[in-house]
Protein backbone atom coordinates (compact mmCIF):
# COMPACT_ATOMS: atom_id res chain seq x y z
CA UNK A 1 -4.81 -4.65 -24.90
CA UNK A 2 -7.77 -4.74 -27.61
CA UNK A 3 -10.46 -3.58 -25.34
CA UNK A 4 -8.87 -0.50 -23.57
CA UNK A 5 -6.02 2.24 -24.08
CA UNK A 6 -6.56 3.14 -20.26
CA UNK A 7 -3.12 2.41 -18.52
CA UNK A 8 -4.29 1.97 -15.01
CA UNK A 9 -6.61 -0.51 -16.39
CA UNK A 10 -3.84 -2.48 -18.33
CA UNK A 11 -1.41 -2.47 -15.28
CA UNK A 12 -4.12 -3.86 -13.14
CA UNK A 13 -4.29 -6.54 -15.33
CA UNK A 14 -0.89 -6.64 -15.59
CA UNK A 15 -0.33 -7.02 -12.10
CA UNK A 16 -2.91 -9.67 -11.81
CA UNK A 17 -1.09 -12.11 -14.44
CA UNK A 18 2.40 -11.50 -13.43
CA UNK A 19 2.15 -10.34 -9.76
CA UNK A 20 3.95 -7.37 -7.89
CA UNK A 21 7.35 -8.82 -8.87
CA UNK A 22 10.64 -9.10 -6.81
CA UNK A 23 14.03 -7.88 -6.55
CA UNK A 24 15.86 -11.27 -7.58
CA UNK A 25 14.45 -13.51 -10.38
CA UNK A 26 12.79 -13.88 -13.37
CA UNK A 27 9.50 -12.05 -11.94
CA UNK A 28 8.95 -8.30 -13.05
CA UNK A 29 10.89 -5.92 -11.01
CA UNK A 30 9.90 -4.33 -7.91
CA UNK A 31 9.64 -4.49 -4.17
CA UNK A 32 6.39 -5.01 -3.02
CA UNK A 33 6.34 -7.37 0.04
CA UNK A 34 3.40 -6.63 1.93
CA UNK A 35 3.33 -8.61 5.21
CA UNK A 36 -0.52 -9.10 5.71
CA UNK A 37 -2.21 -8.08 2.29
CA UNK A 38 -2.21 -9.25 -1.63
CA UNK A 39 -2.31 -6.45 -3.69
CA UNK A 40 -4.22 -8.48 -6.07
CA UNK A 41 -6.72 -10.42 -3.90
CA UNK A 42 -7.17 -7.77 -1.45
CA UNK A 43 -7.64 -4.44 -3.38
CA UNK A 44 -10.94 -3.72 -2.24
CA UNK A 45 -9.91 -3.87 1.76
CA UNK A 46 -6.51 -1.91 1.05
CA UNK A 47 -8.62 1.10 -0.98
CA UNK A 48 -11.02 1.03 1.91
CA UNK A 49 -8.29 1.23 4.41
CA UNK A 50 -6.24 4.06 2.19
CA UNK A 51 -9.53 6.06 1.98
CA UNK A 52 -10.05 5.63 5.65
CA UNK A 53 -6.17 6.64 6.53
CA UNK A 54 -6.76 9.56 3.86
CA UNK A 55 -10.15 10.63 5.88
CA UNK A 56 -8.26 10.65 9.13
CA UNK A 57 -5.45 12.70 7.89
CA UNK A 58 -7.60 15.56 6.49
CA UNK A 59 -9.39 15.80 9.83
CA UNK A 60 -6.06 15.38 11.75
CA UNK A 61 -2.86 15.87 9.49
CA UNK A 62 -0.48 15.78 12.32
CA UNK A 63 -2.02 12.88 14.47
CA UNK A 64 -2.16 15.40 17.28
CA UNK A 65 -6.03 14.16 18.52
CA UNK A 66 -5.62 12.05 21.62
CA UNK A 67 -7.75 9.20 19.85
CA UNK A 68 -4.87 9.08 17.18
CA UNK A 69 -1.84 8.79 19.72
CA UNK A 70 -1.70 4.82 19.23
CA UNK A 71 -1.37 5.44 15.70
CA UNK A 72 1.02 8.45 15.94
CA UNK A 73 3.20 5.97 18.42
CA UNK A 74 3.17 3.25 16.11
CA UNK A 75 4.23 5.21 13.14
CA UNK A 76 6.82 6.98 15.14
CA UNK A 77 8.21 3.79 15.99
CA UNK A 78 8.45 2.42 12.62
CA UNK A 79 10.15 5.25 11.41
CA UNK A 80 12.82 4.76 13.62
CA UNK A 81 13.26 0.92 12.91
CA UNK A 82 13.10 1.17 8.91
CA UNK A 83 12.88 3.47 6.14
CA UNK A 84 11.12 0.85 4.00
CA UNK A 85 7.47 1.47 3.26
CA UNK A 86 6.92 -2.03 2.82
CA UNK A 87 7.26 -2.71 6.25
CA UNK A 88 4.23 -0.51 7.22
CA UNK A 89 1.80 -3.37 5.95
């Protein structure tokens, strides 16, 4: 806290110290139950994945190109079964 006033850096340290939280219990509040990633340990790969997704969507926002049909089908199926973004991971 004495080294920076950057809220993002402070939040990152807080996340590393206390974790993402849970709904019930004494940890900080929040719903972040990633199934295959750890938001603290896997930050680099998550940023890479996000950048890849943003790049893909900038080129094919509707996922209408044939090479993106698998992604579109998976997303469509997921949307039918759940409204929680946490289930994407």
